[in-house]
Protein backbone atom coordinates (compact mmCIF):
# COMPACT_ATOMS: atom_id res chain seq x y z
CA MET A 1 0.30 -40.30 42.28
CA GLY A 2 1.09 -36.54 42.15
CA ARG A 3 4.81 -37.08 41.74
CA MET A 4 5.02 -40.43 39.81
CA LYS A 5 7.71 -40.25 37.27
CA PHE A 6 5.74 -42.34 34.78
CA LEU A 7 2.94 -39.61 34.82
CA TRP A 8 5.07 -36.33 35.02
CA GLY A 9 8.56 -37.22 33.78
CA ASP A 10 11.95 -37.55 35.41
CA ASP A 11 11.54 -34.00 36.98
CA ALA A 12 8.34 -35.09 38.79
CA TYR A 13 9.73 -33.87 42.15
CA GLU A 14 10.66 -30.29 40.94
CA PHE A 15 8.32 -27.36 41.09
CA ARG A 16 8.03 -26.59 37.37
CA PRO A 17 4.69 -24.82 36.53
CA GLU A 18 5.72 -24.49 32.87
CA ARG A 19 5.12 -28.31 32.45
CA TRP A 20 1.44 -27.37 31.87
CA LEU A 21 2.24 -24.89 28.95
CA ASN A 22 2.66 -25.84 25.34
CA GLU A 23 5.41 -24.34 23.03
CA ASP A 24 3.11 -21.20 22.55
CA GLY A 25 2.92 -20.70 26.27
CA ILE A 26 -0.83 -21.74 26.29
CA PHE A 27 -2.16 -23.64 29.32
CA VAL A 28 -2.89 -27.30 28.52
CA PRO A 29 -4.98 -28.93 31.25
CA ALA A 30 -3.71 -32.30 32.46
CA SER A 31 -6.03 -35.30 33.14
CA PRO A 32 -8.08 -34.76 36.41
CA PHE A 33 -7.28 -38.37 37.34
CA LYS A 34 -3.63 -37.39 37.99
CA PHE A 35 -4.50 -35.42 41.05
CA THR A 36 -5.37 -37.35 44.17
CA ALA A 37 -6.92 -34.48 46.27
CA PHE A 38 -10.38 -34.44 44.66
CA GLN A 39 -10.27 -37.58 42.39
CA ALA A 40 -12.12 -37.49 39.16
CA GLY A 41 -14.77 -39.17 37.06
CA PRO A 42 -18.38 -40.12 38.29
CA ARG A 43 -17.42 -40.03 41.91
CA ILE A 44 -15.51 -36.79 41.95
CA CYS A 45 -15.65 -34.79 45.19
CA LEU A 46 -18.81 -32.62 45.19
CA GLY A 47 -17.02 -29.85 47.01
CA LYS A 48 -14.19 -29.45 44.54
CA GLU A 49 -15.54 -26.39 42.79
CA PHE A 50 -16.53 -24.85 46.16
CA ALA A 51 -13.17 -25.43 47.55
CA TYR A 52 -11.38 -23.87 44.54
CA ARG A 53 -13.67 -20.89 44.71
CA GLN A 54 -13.22 -20.31 48.38
CA MET A 55 -9.41 -20.64 47.98
CA LYS A 56 -9.45 -17.93 45.41
CA ILE A 57 -11.62 -15.64 47.40
CA VAL A 58 -9.51 -15.86 50.48
CA VAL A 59 -6.25 -15.39 48.64
CA ALA A 60 -7.71 -12.49 46.71
CA THR A 61 -9.03 -10.88 50.06
CA LEU A 62 -5.64 -11.21 51.73
CA LEU A 63 -3.79 -9.70 48.86
CA TYR A 64 -6.26 -6.79 48.78
CA PHE A 65 -5.88 -5.95 52.40
CA PHE A 66 -2.26 -6.93 52.99
CA LYS A 67 1.22 -6.69 51.56
CA PHE A 68 3.32 -9.87 52.16
CA GLU A 69 7.01 -10.07 52.41
CA MET A 70 9.53 -12.66 53.65
CA TRP A 71 10.46 -12.32 57.28
CA ASP A 72 14.05 -13.27 56.44
CA SER A 73 14.72 -12.32 52.92
CA SER A 74 18.09 -14.06 52.94
CA ARG A 75 16.62 -17.49 53.77
CA GLU A 76 16.21 -19.92 50.89
CA VAL A 77 12.71 -21.49 50.54
CA ARG A 78 12.79 -25.25 50.27
CA SER A 79 9.98 -27.64 49.60
CA ARG A 80 9.34 -31.13 50.88
CA THR A 81 7.80 -33.96 48.91
CA MET A 82 4.58 -35.14 50.62
CA LEU A 83 1.14 -35.94 49.38
CA THR A 84 0.81 -32.21 48.70
CA LEU A 85 3.67 -29.80 48.35
CA GLN A 86 4.93 -28.50 51.81
CA ILE A 87 7.42 -25.67 52.61
CA ASP A 88 10.25 -27.19 54.51
CA GLY A 89 10.45 -25.38 58.00
CA GLY A 90 7.37 -23.28 57.09
CA LEU A 91 7.18 -19.98 55.29
CA HIS A 92 7.51 -17.09 57.67
CA LEU A 93 6.00 -13.93 56.33
CA ARG A 94 5.36 -10.30 57.47
CA ALA A 95 1.98 -8.97 56.66
CA THR A 96 1.38 -5.29 56.72
CA HIS A 97 -1.89 -3.39 55.92
CA ARG A 98 -2.06 -1.79 52.59
C-alpha cells in the first residue's frame, strides 16, 4: 500500500518528500489510511503516538551527543523497496562524540 501507484502516482517508488508539500511549500498531510504500519480509524494502533515520540527522542539524543558522517563518502546510497524503505547494503556511518 505504501508504494501503490494509484495512491501515490507514477513515481511511487521514488523517495520524494516534496510530494507532501503544496505549491507554497506548506505540508499537506495525507490520509492516515495510506500507511500500513499503524493503520487508521477506530482500530488504530494505540502505541502510534508513543512510538513517534520515542523515535524523535532517540534521534534528538543521538544528534545531540554525536556527529555522523558516511564511512565511505564516495559510496552511493541506494534504497530497496520493501514494506518500509530499506537501505540496500546498509548505511555505514562513523559516529564521533561532539
